[in-house]
Amino acid sequence: KQKMNGHTMLFYFHLSNLCITADPMALLSATVKIEGQDLNLEDVA
């Protein structure tokens, strides 16, 4: 179940990144580099 959940959630994540409308999940993968640190978008904006 855990392994199948992982692949099903990954499929959901991929579809969320295929933006037709402004889905907040689409920005989760954006990593912002500030002074050598990798930060989430919500940390800087």
All heavy atoms as atom14 arrays in JSON, in Angstrom:
{
  "sequence": "KQKMNGHTMLFYFHLSNLCITADPMALLSATVKIEGQDLNLEDVA",
  "atom14_mask": [
    [1, 1, 1, 1, 1, 1, 1, 1, 1, 0, 0, 0, 0, 0],
    [1, 1, 1, 1, 1, 1, 1, 1, 1, 0, 0, 0, 0, 0],
    [1, 1, 1, 1, 1, 1, 1, 1, 1, 0, 0, 0, 0, 0],
    [1, 1, 1, 1, 1, 1, 1, 1, 0, 0, 0, 0, 0, 0],
    [1, 1, 1, 1, 1, 1, 1, 1, 0, 0, 0, 0, 0, 0],
    [1, 1, 1, 1, 0, 0, 0, 0, 0, 0, 0, 0, 0, 0],
    [1, 1, 1, 1, 1, 1, 1, 1, 1, 1, 0, 0, 0, 0],
    [1, 1, 1, 1, 1, 1, 1, 0, 0, 0, 0, 0, 0, 0],
    [1, 1, 1, 1, 1, 1, 1, 1, 0, 0, 0, 0, 0, 0],
    [1, 1, 1, 1, 1, 1, 1, 1, 0, 0, 0, 0, 0, 0],
    [1, 1, 1, 1, 1, 1, 1, 1, 1, 1, 1, 0, 0, 0],
    [1, 1, 1, 1, 1, 1, 1, 1, 1, 1, 1, 1, 0, 0],
    [1, 1, 1, 1, 1, 1, 1, 1, 1, 1, 1, 0, 0, 0],
    [1, 1, 1, 1, 1, 1, 1, 1, 1, 1, 0, 0, 0, 0],
    [1, 1, 1, 1, 1, 1, 1, 1, 0, 0, 0, 0, 0, 0],
    [1, 1, 1, 1, 1, 1, 0, 0, 0, 0, 0, 0, 0, 0],
    [1, 1, 1, 1, 1, 1, 1, 1, 0, 0, 0, 0, 0, 0],
    [1, 1, 1, 1, 1, 1, 1, 1, 0, 0, 0, 0, 0, 0],
    [1, 1, 1, 1, 1, 1, 0, 0, 0, 0, 0, 0, 0, 0],
    [1, 1, 1, 1, 1, 1, 1, 1, 0, 0, 0, 0, 0, 0],
    [1, 1, 1, 1, 1, 1, 1, 0, 0, 0, 0, 0, 0, 0],
    [1, 1, 1, 1, 1, 0, 0, 0, 0, 0, 0, 0, 0, 0],
    [1, 1, 1, 1, 1, 1, 1, 1, 0, 0, 0, 0, 0, 0],
    [1, 1, 1, 1, 1, 1, 1, 0, 0, 0, 0, 0, 0, 0],
    [1, 1, 1, 1, 1, 1, 1, 1, 0, 0, 0, 0, 0, 0],
    [1, 1, 1, 1, 1, 0, 0, 0, 0, 0, 0, 0, 0, 0],
    [1, 1, 1, 1, 1, 1, 1, 1, 0, 0, 0, 0, 0, 0],
    [1, 1, 1, 1, 1, 1, 1, 1, 0, 0, 0, 0, 0, 0],
    [1, 1, 1, 1, 1, 1, 0, 0, 0, 0, 0, 0, 0, 0],
    [1, 1, 1, 1, 1, 0, 0, 0, 0, 0, 0, 0, 0, 0],
    [1, 1, 1, 1, 1, 1, 1, 0, 0, 0, 0, 0, 0, 0],
    [1, 1, 1, 1, 1, 1, 1, 0, 0, 0, 0, 0, 0, 0],
    [1, 1, 1, 1, 1, 1, 1, 1, 1, 0, 0, 0, 0, 0],
    [1, 1, 1, 1, 1, 1, 1, 1, 0, 0, 0, 0, 0, 0],
    [1, 1, 1, 1, 1, 1, 1, 1, 1, 0, 0, 0, 0, 0],
    [1, 1, 1, 1, 0, 0, 0, 0, 0, 0, 0, 0, 0, 0],
    [1, 1, 1, 1, 1, 1, 1, 1, 1, 0, 0, 0, 0, 0],
    [1, 1, 1, 1, 1, 1, 1, 1, 0, 0, 0, 0, 0, 0],
    [1, 1, 1, 1, 1, 1, 1, 1, 0, 0, 0, 0, 0, 0],
    [1, 1, 1, 1, 1, 1, 1, 1, 0, 0, 0, 0, 0, 0],
    [1, 1, 1, 1, 1, 1, 1, 1, 0, 0, 0, 0, 0, 0],
    [1, 1, 1, 1, 1, 1, 1, 1, 1, 0, 0, 0, 0, 0],
    [1, 1, 1, 1, 1, 1, 1, 1, 0, 0, 0, 0, 0, 0],
    [1, 1, 1, 1, 1, 1, 1, 0, 0, 0, 0, 0, 0, 0],
    [1, 1, 1, 1, 1, 0, 0, 0, 0, 0, 0, 0, 0, 0]
  ],
  "atom14_positions": [
    [[0.83, -1.21, 0.0], [0.0, 0.0, 0.0], [0.86, 1.26, 0.0], [0.58, 2.22, -0.73], [-0.92, 0.0, 1.23], [-1.91, 1.18, 1.26], [-2.7, 1.2, 2.55], [-3.64, 0.04, 2.63], [-4.53, 0.13, 3.83], [0.0, 0.0, 0.0], [0.0, 0.0, 0.0], [0.0, 0.0, 0.0], [0.0, 0.0, 0.0], [0.0, 0.0, 0.0]],
    [[1.92, 1.25, 0.8], [2.8, 2.42, 0.89], [3.47, 2.71, -0.45], [3.55, 3.87, -0.88], [3.86, 2.19, 1.97], [4.74, 3.4, 2.24], [5.71, 3.15, 3.38], [6.02, 2.02, 3.73], [6.22, 4.21, 3.98], [0.0, 0.0, 0.0], [0.0, 0.0, 0.0], [0.0, 0.0, 0.0], [0.0, 0.0, 0.0], [0.0, 0.0, 0.0]],
    [[3.95, 1.68, -1.11], [4.61, 1.86, -2.4], [3.61, 2.36, -3.45], [3.93, 3.27, -4.23], [5.24, 0.55, -2.86], [6.49, 0.14, -2.08], [7.06, -1.15, -2.61], [8.33, -1.56, -1.87], [8.87, -2.84, -2.38], [0.0, 0.0, 0.0], [0.0, 0.0, 0.0], [0.0, 0.0, 0.0], [0.0, 0.0, 0.0], [0.0, 0.0, 0.0]],
    [[2.41, 1.79, -3.45], [1.4, 2.22, -4.42], [0.95, 3.65, -4.14], [0.71, 4.43, -5.08], [0.21, 1.26, -4.4], [0.5, -0.1, -5.0], [-0.99, -1.11, -5.17], [-0.3, -2.6, -5.91], [0.0, 0.0, 0.0], [0.0, 0.0, 0.0], [0.0, 0.0, 0.0], [0.0, 0.0, 0.0], [0.0, 0.0, 0.0], [0.0, 0.0, 0.0]],
    [[0.83, 3.99, -2.86], [0.48, 5.37, -2.49], [1.5, 6.35, -3.05], [1.14, 7.42, -3.56], [0.43, 5.53, -0.97], [-0.88, 5.06, -0.37], [-1.88, 4.91, -1.07], [-0.89, 4.8, 0.92], [0.0, 0.0, 0.0], [0.0, 0.0, 0.0], [0.0, 0.0, 0.0], [0.0, 0.0, 0.0], [0.0, 0.0, 0.0], [0.0, 0.0, 0.0]],
    [[2.77, 5.98, -2.95], [3.84, 6.85, -3.42], [3.71, 7.17, -4.9], [3.81, 8.33, -5.32], [0.0, 0.0, 0.0], [0.0, 0.0, 0.0], [0.0, 0.0, 0.0], [0.0, 0.0, 0.0], [0.0, 0.0, 0.0], [0.0, 0.0, 0.0], [0.0, 0.0, 0.0], [0.0, 0.0, 0.0], [0.0, 0.0, 0.0], [0.0, 0.0, 0.0]],
    [[3.46, 6.14, -5.71], [3.36, 6.35, -7.16], [2.06, 7.05, -7.54], [2.05, 7.86, -8.49], [3.48, 5.0, -7.89], [4.87, 4.45, -7.87], [5.92, 5.02, -8.56], [5.4, 3.38, -7.2], [7.02, 4.33, -8.34], [6.74, 3.33, -7.53], [0.0, 0.0, 0.0], [0.0, 0.0, 0.0], [0.0, 0.0, 0.0], [0.0, 0.0, 0.0]],
    [[0.99, 6.77, -6.82], [-0.29, 7.45, -7.09], [-0.19, 8.93, -6.75], [-0.67, 9.79, -7.5], [-1.43, 6.8, -6.29], [-1.47, 5.39, -6.58], [-2.78, 7.4, -6.69], [0.0, 0.0, 0.0], [0.0, 0.0, 0.0], [0.0, 0.0, 0.0], [0.0, 0.0, 0.0], [0.0, 0.0, 0.0], [0.0, 0.0, 0.0], [0.0, 0.0, 0.0]],
    [[0.46, 9.25, -5.63], [0.64, 10.64, -5.23], [1.58, 11.37, -6.2], [1.38, 12.56, -6.48], [1.19, 10.72, -3.81], [0.17, 10.43, -2.72], [-1.26, 11.54, -2.8], [-0.47, 13.13, -2.52], [0.0, 0.0, 0.0], [0.0, 0.0, 0.0], [0.0, 0.0, 0.0], [0.0, 0.0, 0.0], [0.0, 0.0, 0.0], [0.0, 0.0, 0.0]],
    [[2.58, 10.67, -6.69], [3.49, 11.28, -7.66], [2.74, 11.63, -8.95], [2.97, 12.69, -9.55], [4.65, 10.33, -7.97], [5.76, 10.88, -8.88], [6.41, 12.11, -8.26], [6.8, 9.8, -9.15], [0.0, 0.0, 0.0], [0.0, 0.0, 0.0], [0.0, 0.0, 0.0], [0.0, 0.0, 0.0], [0.0, 0.0, 0.0], [0.0, 0.0, 0.0]],
    [[1.86, 10.74, -9.36], [1.03, 11.0, -10.55], [0.16, 12.23, -10.31], [0.04, 13.1, -11.19], [0.17, 9.77, -10.84], [-0.72, 9.9, -12.04], [-0.22, 10.35, -13.26], [-2.07, 9.56, -11.96], [-1.05, 10.47, -14.37], [-2.9, 9.69, -13.07], [-2.39, 10.14, -14.28], [0.0, 0.0, 0.0], [0.0, 0.0, 0.0], [0.0, 0.0, 0.0]],
    [[-0.43, 12.33, -9.12], [-1.26, 13.49, -8.76], [-0.42, 14.76, -8.79], [-0.87, 15.81, -9.29], [-1.86, 13.27, -7.37], [-2.55, 14.48, -6.8], [-3.7, 14.99, -7.41], [-2.06, 15.13, -5.66], [-4.35, 16.1, -6.89], [-2.7, 16.24, -5.15], [-3.84, 16.72, -5.77], [-4.47, 17.83, -5.26], [0.0, 0.0, 0.0], [0.0, 0.0, 0.0]],
    [[0.8, 14.68, -8.27], [1.69, 15.84, -8.25], [2.04, 16.27, -9.67], [2.04, 17.47, -9.98], [2.96, 15.49, -7.46], [3.93, 16.63, -7.35], [3.66, 17.71, -6.53], [5.12, 16.61, -8.07], [4.57, 18.77, -6.43], [6.02, 17.66, -7.98], [5.73, 18.74, -7.17], [0.0, 0.0, 0.0], [0.0, 0.0, 0.0], [0.0, 0.0, 0.0]],
    [[2.33, 15.33, -10.54], [2.64, 15.65, -11.93], [1.46, 16.35, -12.61], [1.65, 17.33, -13.34], [2.98, 14.38, -12.71], [4.31, 13.8, -12.35], [4.71, 12.55, -12.76], [5.34, 14.3, -11.62], [5.93, 12.31, -12.3], [6.33, 13.35, -11.6], [0.0, 0.0, 0.0], [0.0, 0.0, 0.0], [0.0, 0.0, 0.0], [0.0, 0.0, 0.0]],
    [[0.26, 15.85, -12.36], [-0.93, 16.46, -12.97], [-1.17, 17.85, -12.42], [-1.62, 18.75, -13.15], [-2.16, 15.57, -12.73], [-2.15, 14.19, -13.39], [-3.48, 13.48, -13.15], [-1.87, 14.29, -14.89], [0.0, 0.0, 0.0], [0.0, 0.0, 0.0], [0.0, 0.0, 0.0], [0.0, 0.0, 0.0], [0.0, 0.0, 0.0], [0.0, 0.0, 0.0]],
    [[-0.89, 18.04, -11.14], [-1.07, 19.36, -10.52], [-0.1, 20.37, -11.13], [-0.4, 21.57, -11.21], [-0.85, 19.29, -9.01], [-1.8, 18.46, -8.39], [0.0, 0.0, 0.0], [0.0, 0.0, 0.0], [0.0, 0.0, 0.0], [0.0, 0.0, 0.0], [0.0, 0.0, 0.0], [0.0, 0.0, 0.0], [0.0, 0.0, 0.0], [0.0, 0.0, 0.0]],
    [[1.06, 19.9, -11.56], [2.05, 20.78, -12.18], [1.75, 21.05, -13.65], [2.4, 21.9, -14.26], [3.45, 20.18, -12.03], [4.12, 20.61, -10.75], [4.78, 21.64, -10.7], [3.92, 19.84, -9.69], [0.0, 0.0, 0.0], [0.0, 0.0, 0.0], [0.0, 0.0, 0.0], [0.0, 0.0, 0.0], [0.0, 0.0, 0.0], [0.0, 0.0, 0.0]],
    [[0.79, 20.32, -14.2], [0.33, 20.59, -15.56], [-0.78, 21.63, -15.42], [-1.95, 21.31, -15.36], [-0.19, 19.3, -16.21], [-0.59, 19.37, -17.67], [0.63, 19.71, -18.54], [-1.2, 18.05, -18.12], [0.0, 0.0, 0.0], [0.0, 0.0, 0.0], [0.0, 0.0, 0.0], [0.0, 0.0, 0.0], [0.0, 0.0, 0.0], [0.0, 0.0, 0.0]],
    [[-0.38, 22.88, -15.37], [-1.3, 23.95, -14.95], [-2.28, 24.36, -16.04], [-1.89, 24.89, -17.08], [-0.52, 25.16, -14.49], [0.38, 24.87, -12.97], [0.0, 0.0, 0.0], [0.0, 0.0, 0.0], [0.0, 0.0, 0.0], [0.0, 0.0, 0.0], [0.0, 0.0, 0.0], [0.0, 0.0, 0.0], [0.0, 0.0, 0.0], [0.0, 0.0, 0.0]],
    [[-3.55, 24.14, -15.77], [-4.63, 24.63, -16.61], [-5.24, 25.84, -15.92], [-5.53, 26.86, -16.52], [-5.71, 23.55, -16.83], [-5.06, 22.21, -17.19], [-6.7, 24.0, -17.89], [-4.15, 22.24, -18.38], [0.0, 0.0, 0.0], [0.0, 0.0, 0.0], [0.0, 0.0, 0.0], [0.0, 0.0, 0.0], [0.0, 0.0, 0.0], [0.0, 0.0, 0.0]],
    [[-5.39, 25.69, -14.6], [-5.79, 26.8, -13.74], [-4.68, 27.01, -12.71], [-3.76, 26.21, -12.61], [-7.12, 26.49, -13.02], [-6.97, 25.28, -12.26], [-8.25, 26.32, -14.02], [0.0, 0.0, 0.0], [0.0, 0.0, 0.0], [0.0, 0.0, 0.0], [0.0, 0.0, 0.0], [0.0, 0.0, 0.0], [0.0, 0.0, 0.0], [0.0, 0.0, 0.0]],
    [[-4.79, 28.06, -11.94], [-3.76, 28.4, -10.95], [-3.9, 27.5, -9.72], [-4.58, 27.85, -8.76], [-3.87, 29.87, -10.56], [0.0, 0.0, 0.0], [0.0, 0.0, 0.0], [0.0, 0.0, 0.0], [0.0, 0.0, 0.0], [0.0, 0.0, 0.0], [0.0, 0.0, 0.0], [0.0, 0.0, 0.0], [0.0, 0.0, 0.0], [0.0, 0.0, 0.0]],
    [[-3.26, 26.35, -9.77], [-3.29, 25.39, -8.67], [-2.08, 25.64, -7.77], [-0.94, 25.54, -8.22], [-3.24, 23.96, -9.24], [-3.4, 22.89, -8.17], [-3.2, 23.2, -6.99], [-3.74, 21.75, -8.54], [0.0, 0.0, 0.0], [0.0, 0.0, 0.0], [0.0, 0.0, 0.0], [0.0, 0.0, 0.0], [0.0, 0.0, 0.0], [0.0, 0.0, 0.0]],
    [[-2.31, 25.97, -6.48], [-1.2, 26.26, -5.56], [-0.14, 25.16, -5.5], [1.04, 25.43, -5.27], [-1.9, 26.42, -4.2], [-3.29, 26.83, -4.54], [-3.61, 26.1, -5.82], [0.0, 0.0, 0.0], [0.0, 0.0, 0.0], [0.0, 0.0, 0.0], [0.0, 0.0, 0.0], [0.0, 0.0, 0.0], [0.0, 0.0, 0.0], [0.0, 0.0, 0.0]],
    [[-0.55, 23.9, -5.73], [0.42, 22.79, -5.68], [1.51, 22.93, -6.73], [2.61, 22.39, -6.59], [-0.3, 21.46, -5.85], [-0.9, 20.91, -4.58], [-1.19, 19.13, -4.68], [0.47, 18.49, -4.69], [0.0, 0.0, 0.0], [0.0, 0.0, 0.0], [0.0, 0.0, 0.0], [0.0, 0.0, 0.0], [0.0, 0.0, 0.0], [0.0, 0.0, 0.0]],
    [[1.2, 23.66, -7.8], [2.16, 23.8, -8.89], [3.42, 24.55, -8.48], [4.46, 24.42, -9.11], [1.51, 24.5, -10.08], [0.0, 0.0, 0.0], [0.0, 0.0, 0.0], [0.0, 0.0, 0.0], [0.0, 0.0, 0.0], [0.0, 0.0, 0.0], [0.0, 0.0, 0.0], [0.0, 0.0, 0.0], [0.0, 0.0, 0.0], [0.0, 0.0, 0.0]],
    [[3.33, 25.32, -7.4], [4.47, 26.12, -6.97], [5.28, 25.44, -5.86], [6.32, 25.95, -5.45], [4.0, 27.5, -6.49], [3.29, 28.36, -7.54], [2.88, 29.69, -6.93], [4.18, 28.6, -8.76], [0.0, 0.0, 0.0], [0.0, 0.0, 0.0], [0.0, 0.0, 0.0], [0.0, 0.0, 0.0], [0.0, 0.0, 0.0], [0.0, 0.0, 0.0]],
    [[4.81, 24.3, -5.39], [5.5, 23.62, -4.29], [6.9, 23.15, -4.67], [7.79, 23.05, -3.82], [4.67, 22.42, -3.81], [3.35, 22.73, -3.1], [2.64, 21.44, -2.74], [3.59, 23.57, -1.86], [0.0, 0.0, 0.0], [0.0, 0.0, 0.0], [0.0, 0.0, 0.0], [0.0, 0.0, 0.0], [0.0, 0.0, 0.0], [0.0, 0.0, 0.0]],
    [[7.09, 22.85, -5.95], [8.38, 22.32, -6.38], [9.42, 23.41, -6.64], [10.59, 23.11, -6.87], [8.21, 21.49, -7.65], [7.63, 22.27, -8.68], [0.0, 0.0, 0.0], [0.0, 0.0, 0.0], [0.0, 0.0, 0.0], [0.0, 0.0, 0.0], [0.0, 0.0, 0.0], [0.0, 0.0, 0.0], [0.0, 0.0, 0.0], [0.0, 0.0, 0.0]],
    [[8.99, 24.67, -6.59], [9.93, 25.77, -6.84], [10.85, 25.96, -5.64], [10.4, 26.21, -4.52], [9.16, 27.06, -7.12], [0.0, 0.0, 0.0], [0.0, 0.0, 0.0], [0.0, 0.0, 0.0], [0.0, 0.0, 0.0], [0.0, 0.0, 0.0], [0.0, 0.0, 0.0], [0.0, 0.0, 0.0], [0.0, 0.0, 0.0], [0.0, 0.0, 0.0]],
    [[12.15, 25.83, -5.87], [13.15, 26.02, -4.82], [13.91, 27.31, -5.09], [14.55, 27.45, -6.14], [14.13, 24.83, -4.79], [13.4, 23.62, -4.55], [15.15, 25.02, -3.68], [0.0, 0.0, 0.0], [0.0, 0.0, 0.0], [0.0, 0.0, 0.0], [0.0, 0.0, 0.0], [0.0, 0.0, 0.0], [0.0, 0.0, 0.0], [0.0, 0.0, 0.0]],
    [[13.84, 28.23, -4.15], [14.46, 29.55, -4.32], [15.79, 29.57, -3.59], [15.87, 29.28, -2.4], [13.54, 30.66, -3.77], [14.14, 32.03, -4.05], [12.14, 30.56, -4.37], [0.0, 0.0, 0.0], [0.0, 0.0, 0.0], [0.0, 0.0, 0.0], [0.0, 0.0, 0.0], [0.0, 0.0, 0.0], [0.0, 0.0, 0.0], [0.0, 0.0, 0.0]],
    [[16.84, 29.91, -4.32], [18.18, 29.93, -3.73], [18.5, 31.35, -3.24], [18.58, 32.29, -4.03], [19.23, 29.47, -4.74], [20.63, 29.27, -4.14], [21.56, 28.65, -5.15], [21.28, 27.17, -5.39], [21.55, 26.33, -4.19], [0.0, 0.0, 0.0], [0.0, 0.0, 0.0], [0.0, 0.0, 0.0], [0.0, 0.0, 0.0], [0.0, 0.0, 0.0]],
    [[18.63, 31.5, -1.94], [18.95, 32.78, -1.31], [20.22, 32.62, -0.48], [20.27, 31.83, 0.46], [17.81, 33.27, -0.39], [16.48, 33.36, -1.16], [18.18, 34.61, 0.25], [16.43, 34.45, -2.19], [0.0, 0.0, 0.0], [0.0, 0.0, 0.0], [0.0, 0.0, 0.0], [0.0, 0.0, 0.0], [0.0, 0.0, 0.0], [0.0, 0.0, 0.0]],
    [[21.27, 33.36, -0.86], [22.55, 33.33, -0.14], [23.03, 31.89, 0.1], [23.44, 31.52, 1.19], [22.42, 34.07, 1.18], [22.12, 35.55, 1.02], [22.0, 36.28, 2.35], [22.0, 35.61, 3.4], [21.89, 37.52, 2.34], [0.0, 0.0, 0.0], [0.0, 0.0, 0.0], [0.0, 0.0, 0.0], [0.0, 0.0, 0.0], [0.0, 0.0, 0.0]],
    [[22.93, 31.08, -0.96], [23.42, 29.7, -0.89], [22.47, 28.71, -0.26], [22.75, 27.51, -0.22], [0.0, 0.0, 0.0], [0.0, 0.0, 0.0], [0.0, 0.0, 0.0], [0.0, 0.0, 0.0], [0.0, 0.0, 0.0], [0.0, 0.0, 0.0], [0.0, 0.0, 0.0], [0.0, 0.0, 0.0], [0.0, 0.0, 0.0], [0.0, 0.0, 0.0]],
    [[21.32, 29.19, 0.24], [20.34, 28.3, 0.86], [19.18, 28.03, -0.08], [18.71, 28.93, -0.79], [19.78, 28.93, 2.15], [20.7, 28.83, 3.34], [19.98, 29.28, 4.6], [19.48, 30.4, 4.69], [19.91, 28.42, 5.6], [0.0, 0.0, 0.0], [0.0, 0.0, 0.0], [0.0, 0.0, 0.0], [0.0, 0.0, 0.0], [0.0, 0.0, 0.0]],
    [[18.72, 26.78, -0.1], [17.53, 26.42, -0.87], [16.31, 26.58, 0.01], [16.16, 25.87, 1.02], [17.64, 24.97, -1.37], [18.69, 24.81, -2.45], [18.99, 25.82, -3.13], [19.21, 23.7, -2.63], [0.0, 0.0, 0.0], [0.0, 0.0, 0.0], [0.0, 0.0, 0.0], [0.0, 0.0, 0.0], [0.0, 0.0, 0.0], [0.0, 0.0, 0.0]],
    [[15.42, 27.5, -0.38], [14.23, 27.8, 0.42], [12.96, 27.54, -0.37], [12.95, 27.61, -1.61], [14.25, 29.26, 0.87], [15.46, 29.71, 1.7], [15.41, 31.21, 1.94], [15.5, 28.96, 3.03], [0.0, 0.0, 0.0], [0.0, 0.0, 0.0], [0.0, 0.0, 0.0], [0.0, 0.0, 0.0], [0.0, 0.0, 0.0], [0.0, 0.0, 0.0]],
    [[11.88, 27.22, 0.34], [10.58, 27.08, -0.29], [10.05, 28.46, -0.65], [10.39, 29.47, -0.01], [9.59, 26.39, 0.65], [9.98, 24.97, 0.96], [10.53, 24.26, 0.1], [9.73, 24.52, 2.18], [0.0, 0.0, 0.0], [0.0, 0.0, 0.0], [0.0, 0.0, 0.0], [0.0, 0.0, 0.0], [0.0, 0.0, 0.0], [0.0, 0.0, 0.0]],
    [[9.2, 28.51, -1.65], [8.65, 29.8, -2.09], [7.91, 30.5, -0.96], [8.01, 31.72, -0.81], [7.69, 29.57, -3.28], [7.08, 30.83, -3.9], [8.17, 31.75, -4.44], [6.1, 30.45, -5.01], [0.0, 0.0, 0.0], [0.0, 0.0, 0.0], [0.0, 0.0, 0.0], [0.0, 0.0, 0.0], [0.0, 0.0, 0.0], [0.0, 0.0, 0.0]],
    [[7.2, 29.75, -0.14], [6.43, 30.35, 0.96], [7.33, 31.02, 2.0], [6.87, 31.87, 2.77], [5.57, 29.28, 1.64], [6.36, 28.17, 2.27], [5.49, 27.02, 2.77], [4.38, 26.84, 2.25], [5.94, 26.33, 3.69], [0.0, 0.0, 0.0], [0.0, 0.0, 0.0], [0.0, 0.0, 0.0], [0.0, 0.0, 0.0], [0.0, 0.0, 0.0]],
    [[8.62, 30.64, 2.02], [9.55, 31.25, 2.96], [10.0, 32.65, 2.53], [10.43, 33.45, 3.36], [10.8, 30.37, 3.13], [10.49, 29.02, 3.74], [9.58, 28.96, 4.58], [11.14, 28.03, 3.36], [0.0, 0.0, 0.0], [0.0, 0.0, 0.0], [0.0, 0.0, 0.0], [0.0, 0.0, 0.0], [0.0, 0.0, 0.0], [0.0, 0.0, 0.0]],
    [[9.89, 32.91, 1.23], [10.42, 34.17, 0.7], [9.37, 35.05, 0.03], [9.69, 36.16, -0.42], [11.57, 33.91, -0.29], [12.74, 33.23, 0.41], [11.09, 33.04, -1.46], [0.0, 0.0, 0.0], [0.0, 0.0, 0.0], [0.0, 0.0, 0.0], [0.0, 0.0, 0.0], [0.0, 0.0, 0.0], [0.0, 0.0, 0.0], [0.0, 0.0, 0.0]],
    [[8.13, 34.56, -0.04], [7.1, 35.34, -0.72], [5.71, 34.96, -0.24], [5.5, 33.88, 0.33], [7.19, 35.12, -2.24], [0.0, 0.0, 0.0], [0.0, 0.0, 0.0], [0.0, 0.0, 0.0], [0.0, 0.0, 0.0], [0.0, 0.0, 0.0], [0.0, 0.0, 0.0], [0.0, 0.0, 0.0], [0.0, 0.0, 0.0], [0.0, 0.0, 0.0]]
  ]
}
